[in-house]
Amino acid sequence: MAERTTLCERCGYRVRWDPETRAGPRVFYEDGECPSCGESFGDRAPVSARRGSKRR
């Protein structure tokens, strides 16, 4: 699977991430949020963030 790009609807920040290697911003994988403005990506976030598997 190739690298993916997800665009933040609020600030326009492009998050580049790879679901196989988990390359990308930590806050995007753990919380499903934009690293720039903190807006939630909701259903466009990685599955691990949507499940809340790493939430504290």
Protein backbone atom coordinates (compact mmCIF):
# COMPACT_ATOMS: atom_id res chain seq x y z
CA MET A 1 0.00 0.00 0.00
CA ALA A 2 1.35 3.39 -0.95
CA GLU A 3 1.67 6.56 1.07
CA ARG A 4 -1.58 8.47 1.53
CA THR A 5 -2.32 12.16 1.82
CA THR A 6 -5.19 13.56 3.88
CA LEU A 7 -6.13 17.24 3.70
CA CYS A 8 -7.36 19.15 6.77
CA GLU A 9 -10.63 20.88 5.92
CA ARG A 10 -10.02 23.62 8.48
CA CYS A 11 -6.47 24.83 7.75
CA GLY A 12 -5.50 23.03 4.52
CA TYR A 13 -2.55 21.14 6.06
CA ARG A 14 -1.62 18.02 4.06
CA VAL A 15 -0.84 15.04 6.27
CA ARG A 16 1.31 12.46 4.50
CA TRP A 17 1.11 9.02 6.09
CA ASP A 18 1.71 5.35 5.33
CA PRO A 19 -0.68 2.85 6.95
CA GLU A 20 1.81 -0.04 6.63
CA THR A 21 4.84 1.59 8.24
CA ARG A 22 2.90 4.13 10.34
CA ALA A 23 5.14 6.85 8.96
CA GLY A 24 3.57 10.22 9.68
CA PRO A 25 2.73 12.58 12.56
CA ARG A 26 2.18 10.94 15.98
CA VAL A 27 -0.85 13.11 16.84
CA PHE A 28 -2.50 12.01 13.58
CA TYR A 29 -2.10 8.30 14.39
CA GLU A 30 -2.89 8.46 18.10
CA ASP A 31 -5.61 11.12 18.29
CA GLY A 32 -6.80 11.51 14.68
CA GLU A 33 -6.08 15.25 14.79
CA CYS A 34 -4.39 17.72 12.46
CA PRO A 35 -0.79 18.37 13.58
CA SER A 36 -1.16 22.03 12.55
CA CYS A 37 -4.48 23.19 14.00
CA GLY A 38 -5.73 20.28 16.15
CA GLU A 39 -8.97 19.75 14.20
CA SER A 40 -10.25 16.14 14.26
CA PHE A 41 -10.14 14.19 11.01
CA GLY A 42 -13.07 12.05 12.14
CA ASP A 43 -13.64 9.10 9.81
CA ARG A 44 -10.67 10.09 7.63
CA ALA A 45 -8.20 9.35 10.45
CA PRO A 46 -6.32 6.03 10.65
CA VAL A 47 -8.33 3.16 12.16
CA SER A 48 -6.13 3.11 15.29
CA ALA A 49 -7.11 6.72 16.07
CA ARG A 50 -10.80 6.11 15.42
CA ARG A 51 -10.81 3.13 17.77
CA GLY A 52 -9.06 5.15 20.45
CA SER A 53 -6.60 2.33 21.06
CA LYS A 54 -3.84 4.64 22.27
CA ARG A 55 -5.87 7.28 24.07
CA ARG A 56 -4.77 8.11 27.58
